[in-house]
Amino acid sequence: MGVKCLATVSDGSKYDMPITTKKAKTKLGKLQWRHRNKVLGNKKLQVLASNKAKKYYVRLSRQHLRISNIRQDVTQKMTTDLSRKAYNIRIEDLAISGMIANCKLAAAVSNNCFYEIRRQLVYKQAHYGTKVELVDRWYPSSKTCSRCGHIQDMKLSDRVFHCKKCGHSQDRDENASINLENAPPDKIRLA
């Protein structure tokens, strides 16, 4: 699972969050900005809510529901597709609360629903007969070369992995997915 792409599989296939979520979030932001001073009444001052304010809050809740439905639909379809394709699914045990604390990653991480994907994969394993495994949080999957095993430091902004030892060059997420597939047994546990 990643920030740029929702999920990358070791066979090279990728799953993206659709562009409709970005459009819906933009529409939500405009809606909230245009009506930023609208108040739904005041109980203390005994001011009743206006009909326009009621209509606005209904529109606002519908827009939130639309974004939620798009995310839920994408995660359901992706996890079902993964469960049908693969018998053994390995995912990283990510520190999501720590990633959300980083203000530059928070929007992308919360938009991609990492925990929800993990939860769905775990409950679908009984239905589809898959085996979901978690790779240790501290296993350097994106820093390790998938060909020679050389470990090197990388910034989050580096999207392509260039090995300094063997010269191998590959997309960062694809490299990490291959490393997760070939992870040592002492770093793996059942979900």
N, C-alpha and C. Protein backbone atom coordinates (compact mmCIF):
# COMPACT_ATOMS: atom_id res chain seq x y z
N MET A 1 0.85 -1.18 0.00
CA MET A 1 0.00 0.00 0.00
C MET A 1 0.89 1.23 0.00
N GLY A 2 0.46 2.26 -0.73
CA GLY A 2 1.31 3.43 -0.85
C GLY A 2 0.51 4.72 -0.87
N VAL A 3 1.26 5.82 -0.96
CA VAL A 3 0.65 7.14 -0.94
C VAL A 3 0.25 7.57 -2.35
N LYS A 4 1.13 7.39 -3.33
CA LYS A 4 0.84 7.77 -4.71
C LYS A 4 -0.22 6.86 -5.32
N CYS A 5 -0.03 5.57 -5.11
CA CYS A 5 -0.91 4.54 -5.67
C CYS A 5 -1.52 3.79 -4.49
N LEU A 6 -2.78 3.43 -4.60
CA LEU A 6 -3.46 2.77 -3.48
C LEU A 6 -2.77 1.47 -3.08
N ALA A 7 -2.49 0.61 -4.05
CA ALA A 7 -1.81 -0.64 -3.76
C ALA A 7 -1.04 -1.11 -5.00
N THR A 8 0.11 -1.72 -4.76
CA THR A 8 0.93 -2.28 -5.83
C THR A 8 1.15 -3.76 -5.53
N VAL A 9 0.92 -4.60 -6.52
CA VAL A 9 1.07 -6.04 -6.36
C VAL A 9 2.39 -6.46 -6.97
N SER A 10 2.97 -7.55 -6.46
CA SER A 10 4.30 -7.99 -6.92
C SER A 10 4.31 -8.44 -8.38
N ASP A 11 3.14 -8.76 -8.95
CA ASP A 11 3.12 -9.13 -10.37
C ASP A 11 3.11 -7.90 -11.29
N GLY A 12 3.10 -6.69 -10.71
CA GLY A 12 3.18 -5.46 -11.49
C GLY A 12 1.89 -4.70 -11.62
N SER A 13 0.76 -5.29 -11.22
CA SER A 13 -0.52 -4.59 -11.33
C SER A 13 -0.66 -3.57 -10.20
N LYS A 14 -1.39 -2.49 -10.49
CA LYS A 14 -1.57 -1.41 -9.53
C LYS A 14 -3.05 -1.08 -9.39
N TYR A 15 -3.41 -0.61 -8.20
CA TYR A 15 -4.76 -0.16 -7.92
C TYR A 15 -4.68 1.30 -7.48
N ASP A 16 -5.46 2.15 -8.13
CA ASP A 16 -5.46 3.57 -7.81
C ASP A 16 -6.80 3.99 -7.24
N MET A 17 -6.78 5.04 -6.43
CA MET A 17 -8.01 5.65 -5.97
C MET A 17 -8.54 6.47 -7.14
N PRO A 18 -9.81 6.36 -7.50
CA PRO A 18 -10.30 7.06 -8.70
C PRO A 18 -10.26 8.57 -8.55
N ILE A 19 -10.25 9.25 -9.69
CA ILE A 19 -10.19 10.71 -9.73
C ILE A 19 -11.47 11.32 -9.16
N THR A 20 -12.55 10.55 -9.12
CA THR A 20 -13.82 11.08 -8.62
C THR A 20 -13.74 11.48 -7.14
N THR A 21 -12.86 10.82 -6.36
CA THR A 21 -12.72 11.23 -4.95
C THR A 21 -12.12 12.62 -4.86
N LYS A 22 -11.15 12.91 -5.72
CA LYS A 22 -10.52 14.24 -5.71
C LYS A 22 -11.54 15.31 -6.11
N LYS A 23 -12.33 15.00 -7.12
CA LYS A 23 -13.36 15.95 -7.57
C LYS A 23 -14.41 16.17 -6.48
N ALA A 24 -14.81 15.09 -5.83
CA ALA A 24 -15.83 15.20 -4.77
C ALA A 24 -15.30 15.98 -3.57
N LYS A 25 -14.00 15.78 -3.24
CA LYS A 25 -13.42 16.53 -2.13
C LYS A 25 -13.28 18.01 -2.48
N THR A 26 -12.98 18.33 -3.74
CA THR A 26 -12.90 19.72 -4.18
C THR A 26 -14.27 20.37 -4.09
N LYS A 27 -15.30 19.64 -4.52
CA LYS A 27 -16.66 20.15 -4.45
C LYS A 27 -17.08 20.38 -2.99
N LEU A 28 -16.69 19.46 -2.11
CA LEU A 28 -16.99 19.61 -0.69
C LEU A 28 -16.31 20.85 -0.11
N GLY A 29 -15.05 21.05 -0.47
CA GLY A 29 -14.32 22.22 0.03
C GLY A 29 -14.94 23.52 -0.43
N LYS A 30 -15.37 23.58 -1.70
CA LYS A 30 -16.03 24.79 -2.20
C LYS A 30 -17.36 25.03 -1.50
N LEU A 31 -18.10 23.95 -1.29
CA LEU A 31 -19.39 24.05 -0.61
C LEU A 31 -19.21 24.58 0.81
N GLN A 32 -18.21 24.07 1.52
CA GLN A 32 -17.97 24.52 2.89
C GLN A 32 -17.46 25.96 2.91
N TRP A 33 -16.64 26.34 1.93
CA TRP A 33 -16.09 27.70 1.93
C TRP A 33 -17.18 28.73 1.64
N ARG A 34 -18.07 28.42 0.68
CA ARG A 34 -19.13 29.36 0.32
C ARG A 34 -20.09 29.62 1.48
N HIS A 35 -20.29 28.61 2.31
CA HIS A 35 -21.26 28.74 3.41
C HIS A 35 -20.55 28.72 4.76
N ARG A 36 -19.36 29.28 4.82
CA ARG A 36 -18.54 29.20 6.04
C ARG A 36 -19.15 29.95 7.23
N ASN A 37 -20.02 30.90 6.97
CA ASN A 37 -20.62 31.67 8.07
C ASN A 37 -22.05 31.22 8.40
N LYS A 38 -22.52 30.20 7.74
CA LYS A 38 -23.89 29.73 7.96
C LYS A 38 -23.99 29.00 9.29
N VAL A 39 -25.00 29.30 10.06
CA VAL A 39 -25.19 28.71 11.38
C VAL A 39 -26.55 28.02 11.40
N LEU A 40 -26.57 26.84 11.99
CA LEU A 40 -27.81 26.08 12.09
C LEU A 40 -28.51 26.43 13.40
N GLY A 41 -28.92 27.69 13.52
CA GLY A 41 -29.63 28.14 14.71
C GLY A 41 -28.73 28.28 15.93
N ASN A 42 -29.33 28.71 17.06
CA ASN A 42 -28.60 28.87 18.31
C ASN A 42 -29.59 28.61 19.45
N LYS A 43 -29.36 27.53 20.19
CA LYS A 43 -30.29 27.16 21.27
C LYS A 43 -30.22 28.15 22.42
N LYS A 44 -29.02 28.65 22.70
CA LYS A 44 -28.86 29.57 23.82
C LYS A 44 -29.65 30.87 23.61
N LEU A 45 -29.54 31.39 22.39
CA LEU A 45 -30.24 32.64 22.07
C LEU A 45 -31.65 32.39 21.53
N GLN A 46 -32.05 31.15 21.47
CA GLN A 46 -33.36 30.72 21.00
C GLN A 46 -33.65 31.23 19.58
N VAL A 47 -32.62 31.04 18.72
CA VAL A 47 -32.77 31.40 17.31
C VAL A 47 -32.97 30.10 16.53
N LEU A 48 -34.05 30.02 15.80
CA LEU A 48 -34.35 28.83 15.02
C LEU A 48 -33.51 28.80 13.75
N ALA A 49 -33.28 27.59 13.26
CA ALA A 49 -32.51 27.44 12.02
C ALA A 49 -33.35 27.85 10.83
N SER A 50 -32.72 28.53 9.88
CA SER A 50 -33.45 28.93 8.67
C SER A 50 -33.58 27.73 7.74
N ASN A 51 -34.52 27.83 6.80
CA ASN A 51 -34.72 26.74 5.85
C ASN A 51 -33.51 26.57 4.93
N LYS A 52 -32.86 27.70 4.57
CA LYS A 52 -31.67 27.62 3.71
C LYS A 52 -30.54 26.92 4.44
N ALA A 53 -30.41 27.16 5.74
CA ALA A 53 -29.36 26.51 6.53
C ALA A 53 -29.63 25.01 6.60
N LYS A 54 -30.89 24.64 6.77
CA LYS A 54 -31.24 23.21 6.82
C LYS A 54 -30.90 22.53 5.49
N LYS A 55 -31.24 23.20 4.36
CA LYS A 55 -30.94 22.65 3.04
C LYS A 55 -29.43 22.50 2.85
N TYR A 56 -28.67 23.49 3.32
CA TYR A 56 -27.22 23.44 3.17
C TYR A 56 -26.64 22.24 3.92
N TYR A 57 -27.07 22.04 5.15
CA TYR A 57 -26.53 20.92 5.93
C TYR A 57 -26.92 19.56 5.35
N VAL A 58 -28.07 19.50 4.69
CA VAL A 58 -28.45 18.26 4.00
C VAL A 58 -27.51 18.03 2.81
N ARG A 59 -27.24 19.10 2.04
CA ARG A 59 -26.31 18.98 0.90
C ARG A 59 -24.92 18.59 1.37
N LEU A 60 -24.50 19.18 2.48
CA LEU A 60 -23.17 18.89 3.03
C LEU A 60 -23.05 17.42 3.45
N SER A 61 -24.08 16.91 4.12
CA SER A 61 -24.04 15.51 4.55
C SER A 61 -24.08 14.56 3.36
N ARG A 62 -24.81 14.94 2.29
CA ARG A 62 -24.84 14.11 1.09
C ARG A 62 -23.48 14.05 0.41
N GLN A 63 -22.76 15.18 0.41
CA GLN A 63 -21.44 15.22 -0.21
C GLN A 63 -20.45 14.36 0.59
N HIS A 64 -20.52 14.42 1.91
CA HIS A 64 -19.69 13.55 2.76
C HIS A 64 -20.01 12.08 2.50
N LEU A 65 -21.30 11.77 2.36
CA LEU A 65 -21.72 10.40 2.08
C LEU A 65 -21.20 9.93 0.73
N ARG A 66 -21.21 10.82 -0.26
CA ARG A 66 -20.71 10.46 -1.60
C ARG A 66 -19.23 10.08 -1.55
N ILE A 67 -18.42 10.87 -0.84
CA ILE A 67 -16.99 10.59 -0.71
C ILE A 67 -16.79 9.25 0.01
N SER A 68 -17.53 9.04 1.06
CA SER A 68 -17.44 7.78 1.82
C SER A 68 -17.83 6.59 0.96
N ASN A 69 -18.87 6.72 0.15
CA ASN A 69 -19.32 5.63 -0.71
C ASN A 69 -18.30 5.29 -1.80
N ILE A 70 -17.66 6.32 -2.35
CA ILE A 70 -16.64 6.09 -3.38
C ILE A 70 -15.48 5.31 -2.78
N ARG A 71 -15.00 5.73 -1.61
CA ARG A 71 -13.89 5.03 -0.95
C ARG A 71 -14.26 3.59 -0.62
N GLN A 72 -15.45 3.39 -0.10
CA GLN A 72 -15.89 2.05 0.29
C GLN A 72 -16.01 1.15 -0.94
N ASP A 73 -16.52 1.68 -2.04
CA ASP A 73 -16.67 0.90 -3.26
C ASP A 73 -15.30 0.48 -3.81
N VAL A 74 -14.36 1.41 -3.83
CA VAL A 74 -13.03 1.10 -4.36
C VAL A 74 -12.32 0.06 -3.50
N THR A 75 -12.38 0.22 -2.18
CA THR A 75 -11.69 -0.74 -1.30
C THR A 75 -12.34 -2.13 -1.37
N GLN A 76 -13.67 -2.18 -1.45
CA GLN A 76 -14.35 -3.48 -1.56
C GLN A 76 -13.95 -4.20 -2.85
N LYS A 77 -13.97 -3.46 -3.97
CA LYS A 77 -13.63 -4.08 -5.26
C LYS A 77 -12.17 -4.52 -5.29
N MET A 78 -11.27 -3.68 -4.74
CA MET A 78 -9.85 -4.01 -4.76
C MET A 78 -9.55 -5.24 -3.89
N THR A 79 -10.09 -5.28 -2.69
CA THR A 79 -9.81 -6.41 -1.80
C THR A 79 -10.44 -7.70 -2.32
N THR A 80 -11.61 -7.62 -2.94
CA THR A 80 -12.22 -8.81 -3.54
C THR A 80 -11.38 -9.31 -4.70
N ASP A 81 -10.91 -8.40 -5.54
CA ASP A 81 -10.08 -8.78 -6.68
C ASP A 81 -8.77 -9.42 -6.21
N LEU A 82 -8.15 -8.83 -5.19
CA LEU A 82 -6.91 -9.40 -4.65
C LEU A 82 -7.16 -10.77 -4.04
N SER A 83 -8.25 -10.92 -3.32
CA SER A 83 -8.56 -12.19 -2.67
C SER A 83 -8.86 -13.29 -3.70
N ARG A 84 -9.43 -12.92 -4.83
CA ARG A 84 -9.71 -13.91 -5.87
C ARG A 84 -8.44 -14.31 -6.62
N LYS A 85 -7.53 -13.35 -6.80
CA LYS A 85 -6.31 -13.60 -7.59
C LYS A 85 -5.27 -14.41 -6.83
N ALA A 86 -5.01 -14.04 -5.59
CA ALA A 86 -3.86 -14.59 -4.87
C ALA A 86 -4.30 -15.45 -3.70
N TYR A 87 -3.49 -16.49 -3.43
CA TYR A 87 -3.74 -17.32 -2.26
C TYR A 87 -3.07 -16.71 -1.04
N ASN A 88 -1.84 -16.25 -1.20
CA ASN A 88 -1.07 -15.70 -0.09
C ASN A 88 -0.90 -14.20 -0.29
N ILE A 89 -1.43 -13.41 0.62
CA ILE A 89 -1.36 -11.95 0.53
C ILE A 89 -0.51 -11.44 1.69
N ARG A 90 0.54 -10.70 1.35
CA ARG A 90 1.40 -10.10 2.38
C ARG A 90 1.29 -8.59 2.31
N ILE A 91 1.01 -8.00 3.46
CA ILE A 91 0.94 -6.54 3.55
C ILE A 91 1.82 -6.08 4.70
N GLU A 92 2.21 -4.82 4.63
CA GLU A 92 3.05 -4.26 5.68
C GLU A 92 2.21 -3.89 6.89
N ASP A 93 2.77 -4.07 8.06
CA ASP A 93 2.13 -3.63 9.30
C ASP A 93 2.55 -2.19 9.51
N LEU A 94 1.78 -1.24 8.97
CA LEU A 94 2.16 0.16 8.98
C LEU A 94 1.69 0.87 10.25
N ALA A 95 2.48 1.86 10.69
CA ALA A 95 2.10 2.71 11.81
C ALA A 95 1.26 3.86 11.27
N ILE A 96 -0.01 3.62 11.07
CA ILE A 96 -0.89 4.57 10.40
C ILE A 96 -1.09 5.83 11.23
N SER A 97 -1.21 5.69 12.55
CA SER A 97 -1.41 6.87 13.39
C SER A 97 -0.19 7.80 13.33
N GLY A 98 1.00 7.22 13.22
CA GLY A 98 2.20 8.03 13.06
C GLY A 98 2.27 8.70 11.71
N MET A 99 1.78 8.02 10.67
CA MET A 99 1.78 8.60 9.33
C MET A 99 0.77 9.74 9.24
N ILE A 100 -0.35 9.60 9.93
CA ILE A 100 -1.36 10.66 9.91
C ILE A 100 -0.88 11.88 10.71
N ALA A 101 0.00 11.68 11.68
CA ALA A 101 0.54 12.80 12.45
C ALA A 101 1.43 13.70 11.59
N ASN A 102 2.01 13.14 10.52
CA ASN A 102 2.80 13.94 9.59
C ASN A 102 1.85 14.73 8.70
N CYS A 103 1.90 16.07 8.80
CA CYS A 103 0.91 16.91 8.11
C CYS A 103 1.01 16.80 6.59
N LYS A 104 2.16 16.40 6.06
CA LYS A 104 2.31 16.31 4.60
C LYS A 104 1.75 14.99 4.06
N LEU A 105 1.66 13.97 4.92
CA LEU A 105 1.15 12.67 4.49
C LEU A 105 -0.30 12.43 4.91
N ALA A 106 -0.79 13.21 5.85
CA ALA A 106 -2.07 12.92 6.49
C ALA A 106 -3.22 12.78 5.51
N ALA A 107 -3.34 13.70 4.56
CA ALA A 107 -4.47 13.66 3.62
C ALA A 107 -4.41 12.42 2.74
N ALA A 108 -3.22 12.10 2.23
CA ALA A 108 -3.09 10.95 1.33
C ALA A 108 -3.31 9.64 2.07
N VAL A 109 -2.81 9.53 3.29
CA VAL A 109 -2.95 8.29 4.06
C VAL A 109 -4.40 8.07 4.47
N SER A 110 -5.06 9.11 4.94
CA SER A 110 -6.45 8.95 5.37
C SER A 110 -7.38 8.75 4.17
N ASN A 111 -7.02 9.29 3.01
CA ASN A 111 -7.83 9.09 1.80
C ASN A 111 -7.73 7.65 1.30
N ASN A 112 -6.58 7.00 1.50
CA ASN A 112 -6.37 5.65 0.97
C ASN A 112 -6.87 4.54 1.88
N CYS A 113 -7.34 4.83 3.06
CA CYS A 113 -8.01 3.86 3.94
C CYS A 113 -7.19 2.60 4.18
N PHE A 114 -5.94 2.73 4.65
CA PHE A 114 -5.05 1.59 4.84
C PHE A 114 -5.62 0.57 5.81
N TYR A 115 -6.13 1.03 6.93
CA TYR A 115 -6.65 0.09 7.92
C TYR A 115 -7.88 -0.65 7.40
N GLU A 116 -8.73 0.06 6.67
CA GLU A 116 -9.94 -0.56 6.13
C GLU A 116 -9.59 -1.64 5.12
N ILE A 117 -8.57 -1.43 4.32
CA ILE A 117 -8.12 -2.43 3.35
C ILE A 117 -7.63 -3.67 4.09
N ARG A 118 -6.84 -3.45 5.13
CA ARG A 118 -6.33 -4.58 5.92
C ARG A 118 -7.47 -5.35 6.58
N ARG A 119 -8.44 -4.64 7.14
CA ARG A 119 -9.57 -5.27 7.81
C ARG A 119 -10.38 -6.11 6.83
N GLN A 120 -10.61 -5.57 5.63
CA GLN A 120 -11.39 -6.30 4.63
C GLN A 120 -10.65 -7.54 4.13
N LEU A 121 -9.34 -7.42 3.94
CA LEU A 121 -8.56 -8.58 3.50
C LEU A 121 -8.61 -9.70 4.55
N VAL A 122 -8.57 -9.31 5.82
CA VAL A 122 -8.59 -10.30 6.91
C VAL A 122 -9.94 -11.00 6.98
N TYR A 123 -11.04 -10.26 6.88
CA TYR A 123 -12.33 -10.94 7.00
C TYR A 123 -12.71 -11.71 5.73
N LYS A 124 -12.12 -11.34 4.58
CA LYS A 124 -12.42 -12.06 3.35
C LYS A 124 -11.58 -13.32 3.19
N GLN A 125 -10.57 -13.50 4.05
CA GLN A 125 -9.72 -14.68 3.89
C GLN A 125 -10.48 -15.97 4.17
N ALA A 126 -11.46 -15.94 5.04
CA ALA A 126 -12.24 -17.14 5.32
C ALA A 126 -13.16 -17.48 4.13
N HIS A 127 -13.67 -16.46 3.47
CA HIS A 127 -14.60 -16.68 2.36
C HIS A 127 -13.87 -17.14 1.10
N TYR A 128 -12.73 -16.55 0.80
CA TYR A 128 -12.01 -16.87 -0.44
C TYR A 128 -10.88 -17.89 -0.24
N GLY A 129 -10.61 -18.28 0.98
CA GLY A 129 -9.57 -19.26 1.24
C GLY A 129 -8.16 -18.72 1.08
N THR A 130 -7.97 -17.45 1.32
CA THR A 130 -6.65 -16.84 1.21
C THR A 130 -5.96 -16.86 2.57
N LYS A 131 -4.69 -16.51 2.56
CA LYS A 131 -3.92 -16.41 3.79
C LYS A 131 -3.29 -15.02 3.82
N VAL A 132 -3.71 -14.18 4.76
CA VAL A 132 -3.20 -12.82 4.87
C VAL A 132 -2.12 -12.80 5.94
N GLU A 133 -0.93 -12.33 5.54
CA GLU A 133 0.21 -12.25 6.45
C GLU A 133 0.68 -10.81 6.57
N LEU A 134 1.15 -10.48 7.77
CA LEU A 134 1.70 -9.15 8.02
C LEU A 134 3.21 -9.23 8.10
N VAL A 135 3.87 -8.34 7.38
CA VAL A 135 5.33 -8.25 7.44
C VAL A 135 5.67 -7.22 8.50
N ASP A 136 6.72 -7.48 9.25
CA ASP A 136 7.14 -6.63 10.36
C ASP A 136 7.23 -5.17 9.95
N ARG A 137 6.84 -4.30 10.87
CA ARG A 137 6.82 -2.86 10.63
C ARG A 137 8.20 -2.30 10.29
N TRP A 138 9.23 -2.89 10.86
CA TRP A 138 10.59 -2.35 10.69
C TRP A 138 11.37 -3.03 9.58
N TYR A 139 10.74 -3.90 8.83
CA TYR A 139 11.42 -4.55 7.69
C TYR A 139 11.60 -3.50 6.58
N PRO A 140 12.85 -3.27 6.10
CA PRO A 140 13.10 -2.20 5.11
C PRO A 140 12.73 -2.63 3.69
N SER A 141 11.44 -2.75 3.41
CA SER A 141 11.01 -3.26 2.11
C SER A 141 11.29 -2.28 0.97
N SER A 142 11.13 -0.99 1.21
CA SER A 142 11.34 -0.03 0.12
C SER A 142 12.80 0.41 0.02
N LYS A 143 13.61 0.11 1.02
CA LYS A 143 15.02 0.51 1.00
C LYS A 143 15.94 -0.60 0.50
N THR A 144 15.41 -1.80 0.31
CA THR A 144 16.21 -2.96 -0.08
C THR A 144 16.08 -3.20 -1.58
N CYS A 145 17.18 -3.52 -2.22
CA CYS A 145 17.17 -3.87 -3.64
C CYS A 145 16.56 -5.27 -3.80
N SER A 146 15.62 -5.42 -4.71
CA SER A 146 14.95 -6.71 -4.89
C SER A 146 15.84 -7.72 -5.63
N ARG A 147 16.91 -7.25 -6.26
CA ARG A 147 17.81 -8.17 -6.98
C ARG A 147 18.97 -8.63 -6.10
N CYS A 148 19.74 -7.66 -5.54
CA CYS A 148 20.97 -8.04 -4.82
C CYS A 148 20.82 -8.00 -3.30
N GLY A 149 19.77 -7.36 -2.78
CA GLY A 149 19.55 -7.31 -1.34
C GLY A 149 20.28 -6.19 -0.64
N HIS A 150 20.87 -5.26 -1.40
CA HIS A 150 21.59 -4.12 -0.81
C HIS A 150 20.59 -3.14 -0.20
N ILE A 151 20.87 -2.69 1.04
CA ILE A 151 19.99 -1.75 1.74
C ILE A 151 20.62 -0.37 1.68
N GLN A 152 19.82 0.63 1.26
CA GLN A 152 20.31 2.01 1.20
C GLN A 152 19.20 2.95 1.64
N ASP A 153 19.59 4.13 2.12
CA ASP A 153 18.62 5.11 2.57
C ASP A 153 17.93 5.77 1.38
N MET A 154 16.66 6.10 1.57
CA MET A 154 15.87 6.78 0.53
C MET A 154 14.97 7.80 1.17
N LYS A 155 14.76 8.91 0.48
CA LYS A 155 13.79 9.90 0.91
C LYS A 155 12.42 9.49 0.40
N LEU A 156 11.37 10.01 1.01
CA LEU A 156 10.02 9.68 0.58
C LEU A 156 9.72 10.27 -0.79
N SER A 157 10.41 11.35 -1.15
CA SER A 157 10.18 11.99 -2.45
C SER A 157 10.79 11.19 -3.60
N ASP A 158 11.74 10.29 -3.31
CA ASP A 158 12.33 9.46 -4.36
C ASP A 158 11.34 8.37 -4.75
N ARG A 159 10.79 8.45 -5.95
CA ARG A 159 9.78 7.49 -6.39
C ARG A 159 10.37 6.33 -7.18
N VAL A 160 11.65 6.45 -7.60
CA VAL A 160 12.31 5.38 -8.33
C VAL A 160 13.50 4.90 -7.50
N PHE A 161 13.60 3.59 -7.34
CA PHE A 161 14.70 3.00 -6.57
C PHE A 161 15.87 2.74 -7.51
N HIS A 162 17.03 3.36 -7.22
CA HIS A 162 18.27 3.13 -7.97
C HIS A 162 19.25 2.47 -7.02
N CYS A 163 19.60 1.20 -7.28
CA CYS A 163 20.55 0.49 -6.42
C CYS A 163 21.97 1.00 -6.70
N LYS A 164 22.68 1.35 -5.65
CA LYS A 164 24.05 1.86 -5.79
C LYS A 164 25.05 0.72 -5.97
N LYS A 165 24.65 -0.51 -5.64
CA LYS A 165 25.56 -1.65 -5.73
C LYS A 165 25.50 -2.33 -7.10
N CYS A 166 24.29 -2.71 -7.54
CA CYS A 166 24.17 -3.44 -8.81
C CYS A 166 23.65 -2.59 -9.96
N GLY A 167 23.17 -1.37 -9.67
CA GLY A 167 22.68 -0.49 -10.73
C GLY A 167 21.25 -0.76 -11.16
N HIS A 168 20.55 -1.62 -10.43
CA HIS A 168 19.15 -1.95 -10.75
C HIS A 168 18.26 -0.73 -10.50
N SER A 169 17.34 -0.46 -11.43
CA SER A 169 16.44 0.68 -11.31
C SER A 169 15.00 0.19 -11.48
N GLN A 170 14.12 0.58 -10.53
CA GLN A 170 12.73 0.11 -10.54
C GLN A 170 11.87 1.08 -9.76
N ASP A 171 10.57 1.07 -10.04
CA ASP A 171 9.63 1.88 -9.28
C ASP A 171 9.68 1.48 -7.81
N ARG A 172 9.60 2.46 -6.95
CA ARG A 172 9.77 2.22 -5.51
C ARG A 172 8.73 1.25 -4.96
N ASP A 173 7.47 1.42 -5.34
CA ASP A 173 6.39 0.57 -4.83
C ASP A 173 6.49 -0.86 -5.37
N GLU A 174 6.86 -1.00 -6.63
CA GLU A 174 7.05 -2.34 -7.20
C GLU A 174 8.19 -3.08 -6.51
N ASN A 175 9.29 -2.35 -6.25
CA ASN A 175 10.44 -2.93 -5.55
C ASN A 175 10.03 -3.40 -4.15
N ALA A 176 9.26 -2.57 -3.45
CA ALA A 176 8.80 -2.92 -2.10
C ALA A 176 7.87 -4.13 -2.13
N SER A 177 7.01 -4.22 -3.15
CA SER A 177 6.07 -5.36 -3.22
C SER A 177 6.82 -6.67 -3.48
N ILE A 178 7.88 -6.63 -4.29
CA ILE A 178 8.68 -7.83 -4.53
C ILE A 178 9.42 -8.22 -3.25
N ASN A 179 9.93 -7.22 -2.52
CA ASN A 179 10.62 -7.51 -1.26
C ASN A 179 9.67 -8.09 -0.22
N LEU A 180 8.41 -7.63 -0.20
CA LEU A 180 7.43 -8.18 0.73
C LEU A 180 7.10 -9.63 0.38
N GLU A 181 7.07 -9.93 -0.91
CA GLU A 181 6.82 -11.30 -1.35
C GLU A 181 7.95 -12.24 -0.91
N ASN A 182 9.19 -11.74 -0.95
CA ASN A 182 10.36 -12.55 -0.60
C ASN A 182 10.88 -12.27 0.81
N ALA A 183 10.03 -11.78 1.69
CA ALA A 183 10.46 -11.44 3.05
C ALA A 183 10.86 -12.70 3.82
N PRO A 184 11.86 -12.59 4.72
CA PRO A 184 12.27 -13.76 5.50
C PRO A 184 11.17 -14.20 6.47
N PRO A 185 11.10 -15.50 6.76
CA PRO A 185 10.01 -16.03 7.61
C PRO A 185 9.96 -15.45 9.03
N ASP A 186 11.11 -15.01 9.56
CA ASP A 186 11.11 -14.48 10.94
C ASP A 186 10.48 -13.09 11.01
N LYS A 187 10.24 -12.45 9.86
CA LYS A 187 9.62 -11.11 9.83
C LYS A 187 8.13 -11.17 9.50
N ILE A 188 7.58 -12.38 9.37
CA ILE A 188 6.18 -12.55 8.94
C ILE A 188 5.35 -13.16 10.06
N ARG A 189 4.12 -12.65 10.20
CA ARG A 189 3.17 -13.24 11.13
C ARG A 189 1.77 -13.20 10.50
N LEU A 190 0.87 -14.02 10.98
CA LEU A 190 -0.48 -14.05 10.45
C LEU A 190 -1.26 -12.83 10.90
N ALA A 191 -2.15 -12.36 10.05
CA ALA A 191 -2.97 -11.19 10.39
C ALA A 191 -4.12 -11.60 11.29
